C-alpha cells in the first residue's frame, strides 16, 4: 500500500509575527520537518497543501503576502507538488484526490495546521474517500477558541479534535512512531 505525507497549511501566518499565530506552531513544524525528511529519504510521495484566502473579509493567508508562503521548515523541493486550496477541506475544489489516486496512494500520514479546522476537515474527507489515515499529533497545531463565553485553551482544542478523529477517522500517533507504521 502506497503511503503519502500530507502537510496541511504550514504557512508563515501561523507563526510568531504572523496574522494568525497558533500555539505550538514552531514545535509542530519541526516535527513535520522530521516527517518530511523521513518521506524524502524513503522516496515516498509528499504533498504540500497551501491555503490561499479568497473570501471577503479574510485577515490571513492573503494572496501575494509573506504570510501565505509555506514555512521554511517544510518548504517544498522542486518537483514536490503544492495543492492550493480555498476551503478547510483540502480535497474540495482541488486536484488532491486525482493526484493521490494517480500515485496509487491508499494511506495518508497527516501533519499540519489548524488541528480543529483544516486538519480535521481533510482527515474526515480522506476517510470518507477511502483513505487509511494516520495523524501525527505533535506535527499539528491549533489555537485557543471561545464558545458560549468560555475560553477553551489550545491544548484542550487540540486534544478534543484528535480524540474525535481517533475514534473513527484516523490513527493518532507521535511523529516518532510514524516510521514503524509506514
Protein backbone atom coordinates (compact mmCIF):
# COMPACT_ATOMS: atom_id res chain seq x y z
CA UNK A 1 0.00 0.00 0.00
CA UNK A 2 1.45 3.35 -1.02
CA UNK A 3 1.63 5.93 1.75
CA UNK A 4 1.90 9.68 1.18
CA UNK A 5 2.71 12.53 3.54
CA UNK A 6 0.15 15.33 3.50
CA UNK A 7 1.36 18.57 5.09
CA UNK A 8 -1.55 20.96 5.51
CA UNK A 9 -1.19 24.75 5.71
CA UNK A 10 2.15 25.01 7.49
CA UNK A 11 2.35 28.64 6.44
CA UNK A 12 4.01 31.76 7.79
CA UNK A 13 0.86 33.45 9.09
CA UNK A 14 0.56 30.71 11.74
CA UNK A 15 3.96 31.51 13.25
CA UNK A 16 5.14 34.24 15.63
CA UNK A 17 4.72 37.57 13.87
CA UNK A 18 2.08 36.15 11.53
CA UNK A 19 -1.54 37.27 11.25
CA UNK A 20 -2.97 34.15 13.00
CA UNK A 21 -0.30 32.81 15.35
CA UNK A 22 -1.05 29.34 16.68
CA UNK A 23 0.02 27.78 19.95
CA UNK A 24 2.85 25.36 19.28
CA UNK A 25 3.29 26.13 15.58
CA UNK A 26 7.08 26.25 15.83
CA UNK A 27 7.43 22.86 17.54
CA UNK A 28 4.79 21.27 15.31
CA UNK A 29 6.65 22.47 12.22
CA UNK A 30 9.87 20.89 13.49
CA UNK A 31 8.07 17.55 13.88
CA UNK A 32 6.56 17.98 10.42
CA UNK A 33 10.07 18.63 9.10
CA UNK A 34 11.20 15.31 10.60
CA UNK A 35 8.32 13.54 8.83
CA UNK A 36 9.19 15.29 5.60
CA UNK A 37 12.82 14.13 5.89
CA UNK A 38 11.63 10.54 6.51
CA UNK A 39 9.38 10.53 3.46
CA UNK A 40 12.05 12.10 1.27
CA UNK A 41 14.62 9.56 2.49
CA UNK A 42 12.26 6.67 1.71
CA UNK A 43 11.27 8.28 -1.59
CA UNK A 44 7.59 8.22 -0.68
CA UNK A 45 5.10 10.74 -2.07
CA UNK A 46 4.79 14.12 -0.38
CA UNK A 47 2.04 16.67 -0.97
CA UNK A 48 2.13 20.19 0.46
CA UNK A 49 -1.19 21.96 0.88
CA UNK A 50 -1.32 25.75 0.83
CA UNK A 51 -4.40 27.71 1.83
CA UNK A 52 -4.97 30.96 -0.04
CA UNK A 53 -7.84 33.04 1.32
CA UNK A 54 -10.28 34.34 -1.24
CA UNK A 55 -13.28 35.04 0.94
CA UNK A 56 -14.34 38.62 1.61
CA UNK A 57 -13.01 39.93 4.90
CA UNK A 58 -10.22 37.36 5.23
CA UNK A 59 -7.43 38.56 7.53
CA UNK A 60 -4.72 35.97 6.92
CA UNK A 61 -3.34 33.78 4.12
CA UNK A 62 -3.93 36.70 1.82
CA UNK A 63 -2.66 36.28 -1.74
CA UNK A 64 0.75 37.73 -2.53
CA UNK A 65 1.76 38.24 1.11
CA UNK A 66 4.65 36.65 3.02
CA UNK A 67 2.12 35.06 5.39
CA UNK A 68 0.64 32.84 2.69
CA UNK A 69 4.01 31.23 1.92
CA UNK A 70 4.83 27.73 3.16
CA UNK A 71 7.10 27.97 6.19
CA UNK A 72 10.82 27.36 5.51
CA UNK A 73 10.89 24.39 7.92
CA UNK A 74 8.85 22.38 5.41
CA UNK A 75 9.45 24.23 2.16
CA UNK A 76 8.74 22.08 -0.90
CA UNK A 77 11.60 20.88 -3.02
CA UNK A 78 11.47 21.23 -6.76
CA UNK A 79 9.08 18.58 -8.05
CA UNK A 80 7.11 18.21 -4.81
CA UNK A 81 3.51 19.12 -5.51
CA UNK A 82 1.79 22.03 -3.81
CA UNK A 83 -2.00 21.83 -3.82
CA UNK A 84 -3.60 25.24 -3.41
CA UNK A 85 -6.98 25.41 -1.72
CA UNK A 86 -9.56 27.96 -0.63
CA UNK A 87 -11.57 25.84 1.84
CA UNK A 88 -10.71 23.90 5.02
CA UNK A 89 -11.14 20.53 3.28
CA UNK A 90 -8.01 20.01 1.16
CA UNK A 91 -9.98 17.87 -1.30
CA UNK A 92 -12.67 20.47 -2.04
CA UNK A 93 -12.23 22.00 -5.49
CA UNK A 94 -8.58 20.90 -5.73
CA UNK A 95 -6.65 18.25 -7.65
CA UNK A 96 -5.60 16.44 -4.45
CA UNK A 97 -7.75 13.33 -4.92
CA UNK A 98 -6.67 12.85 -8.54
CA UNK A 99 -3.02 13.37 -7.59
CA UNK A 100 -3.18 10.76 -4.83
CA UNK A 101 -5.09 8.22 -6.94
CA UNK A 102 -2.66 8.67 -9.84
CA UNK A 103 0.16 7.66 -7.47
CA UNK A 104 -1.75 4.70 -6.06
CA UNK A 105 -1.86 6.24 -2.58
CA UNK A 106 -4.16 4.44 -0.15
CA UNK A 107 -2.77 5.69 3.16
CA UNK A 108 -2.05 9.24 4.35
CA UNK A 109 0.19 10.48 7.10
CA UNK A 110 -1.08 13.93 8.04
CA UNK A 111 0.51 16.86 9.81
CA UNK A 112 -0.48 20.48 9.69
CA UNK A 113 -2.47 23.39 10.90
CA UNK A 114 -5.05 24.09 12.32
CA UNK A 115 -5.93 20.85 14.08
CA UNK A 116 -9.52 21.95 14.67
CA UNK A 117 -10.15 23.25 11.16
CA UNK A 118 -8.22 22.16 8.06
CA UNK A 119 -6.61 19.05 9.55
CA UNK A 120 -9.98 17.89 10.88
CA UNK A 121 -11.89 18.66 7.67
CA UNK A 122 -9.27 16.99 5.46
CA UNK A 123 -8.89 13.83 7.56
CA UNK A 124 -12.65 13.31 7.71
CA UNK A 125 -12.93 13.79 3.95
CA UNK A 126 -9.98 11.46 3.32
CA UNK A 127 -11.60 8.75 5.43
CA UNK A 128 -14.88 9.18 3.54
CA UNK A 129 -12.93 8.84 0.28
CA UNK A 130 -11.50 5.51 1.42
CA UNK A 131 -8.04 6.51 2.64
CA UNK A 132 -6.43 4.99 5.72
CA UNK A 133 -5.26 7.98 7.78
CA UNK A 134 -2.60 8.43 10.40
CA UNK A 135 -2.34 11.83 12.11
CA UNK A 136 0.94 12.83 13.75
CA UNK A 137 -0.43 14.76 16.72
CA UNK A 138 2.82 16.53 17.51
CA UNK A 139 3.14 17.75 13.91
CA UNK A 140 -0.14 19.66 14.24
CA UNK A 141 -1.03 22.93 15.97
CA UNK A 142 -4.13 24.93 16.78
CA UNK A 143 -5.27 27.90 18.86
CA UNK A 144 -7.43 28.83 21.79
CA UNK A 145 -11.12 29.10 20.90
CA UNK A 146 -14.14 30.64 22.58
CA UNK A 147 -17.55 29.01 22.85
CA UNK A 148 -20.57 30.43 24.62
CA UNK A 149 -18.39 32.89 26.52
CA UNK A 150 -15.93 30.25 27.68
CA UNK A 151 -12.31 30.23 26.56
CA UNK A 152 -11.11 26.76 25.52
CA UNK A 153 -7.30 26.52 25.70
CA UNK A 154 -5.47 25.39 22.58
CA UNK A 155 -4.26 22.24 24.33
CA UNK A 156 -7.86 21.19 25.00
CA UNK A 157 -8.99 22.11 21.49
CA UNK A 158 -6.12 20.06 20.07
CA UNK A 159 -6.82 17.07 22.32
CA UNK A 160 -10.57 17.12 21.74
CA UNK A 161 -10.32 17.19 17.97
CA UNK A 162 -7.64 14.49 17.88
CA UNK A 163 -9.66 12.32 20.26
CA UNK A 164 -12.66 12.65 17.95
CA UNK A 165 -10.60 11.85 14.85
CA UNK A 166 -9.01 8.91 16.63
CA UNK A 167 -12.38 7.39 17.46
CA UNK A 168 -13.17 6.54 13.82
CA UNK A 169 -11.34 8.57 11.19
CA UNK A 170 -7.63 8.05 11.85
CA UNK A 171 -4.96 6.51 13.99
CA UNK A 172 -3.29 9.16 16.13
CA UNK A 173 0.39 8.82 16.99
CA UNK A 174 3.53 10.82 17.60
CA UNK A 175 5.76 11.72 14.66
CA UNK A 176 8.47 9.45 16.06
CA UNK A 177 6.14 6.45 15.70
CA UNK A 178 5.37 7.01 12.02
CA UNK A 179 8.47 5.29 10.62
CA UNK A 180 7.47 1.94 12.09
CA UNK A 181 3.95 2.24 10.68
CA UNK A 182 4.68 3.01 7.05
